[in-house]
Amino acid sequence: MAQQSTVNENLSLDACYQVRPLLFFLNIYGVLAGAPAFEIPKE
């Protein structure tokens, strides 16, 4: 069971490392578009 929890923690770390760069690039895209990233439509 300990091994399974380690796998879950590794997946969580991988998710963080994948999501943070994504948010960073979205923020850069928002700046380049001339609008805050949070104003990008989520349709």
Foldseek 3Di string as FASTA:
>chain_A
DVVVVVVVVVVVVVVVVVVVVVVVVLQVVCVVVVHGSVPPDPD
